[in-house]
Amino acid sequence: MSFLAAAIQLNGNSNEEACIEEATRLIRQAAAHGARFVATPEATNYLGPHDRKVATAEGLDGRVCRHFGELAAELDIHLLLGSFNESAEETARCYNTSVLFGSTGEVLASYRKMHLFDVDVSDEVRFQESATCRPGEDVVVAETELGAVGLSICYDMRFPELYRRQVDAGAKILAVPSAFTVTTGRDHWYPLLKARAIETQCWLIAPAQWGEHDDGGLRNSYGHSLIIDPWGQIVASCSDGTGIAFGVVDLDRVDQIRQSMPVGEHRKL
């Protein structure tokens, strides 16, 4: 089985309506090109000052998810909303949540980011995501007519045990929507994502944010949205600017690689 996938690259900001409009434009463009699975980056609808993040939070039944669910149904595509701010039980923090919509607009699965970006790497990269976000707890693999999709978000990619759990649950496609910093992205983006694809023998789809954002100078995103095959080969990518990476995902290739090199059966730990 094969299908055309699209990884959308955005330059998000604090204007939520403008972010949704730009994402919608590119999603429509991807669908018109024939994509059956379209994925947007982390923080699709808002990437601005973090002291205002929680104010944008809403539930899975709110207008943001309704909009993207209706769009998936209209275009007859599987649509991954890379992430949005989902309201939580406490008022000071929200969840960073990825939502996968089916081709009739229904929510197939949602995943709350488990590993939060609390780092002090350099003067350019100091961040405490846990100040405004709660961590999720559940490993999520969505069964779809296009294959089983493991959901994760950005910083999660540094924790291979998450993806091992997803493969054990049947994943053949890994989604890693991101807003990866330029400082870490220059050295880590490609090797981390290729490693996750190689060790899991999965297709990997990584839509990304790009460029500077109006969040008080906290973030400059690396971009370079990728689609990687289960052998670790990059089949599609974006460089700078907004855009779309298109790639044909062939699930038979997963089976062929796993049969010829059965690392899952050889695993000891």
Foldseek 3Di string as FASTA:
>chain_A
DKFKEKFWEAAFAAQQVVLLVVVLVQVVVCLVVGGQEYEYFFASRHDAALQCQLVQAEACPDPVLQVVLVSLQVSQHWYKDRWHWHDDPDSQATFTKIFIHHSNSHTQDMATAADFDQDCDDPQAHDDNVRHYDHDDDWDWGQDPVFIETEHEAVCLVPLVSLVVSVVVGHQEYEYRYQAAQVCCVPPVLVSQLVSLQVSLHWYWYHYYAADYNRVSNGGGFAFTFIAGSNSHTAWTDGHDTDMTMDMHDSVSSVVVCVVPVVVVVDDD
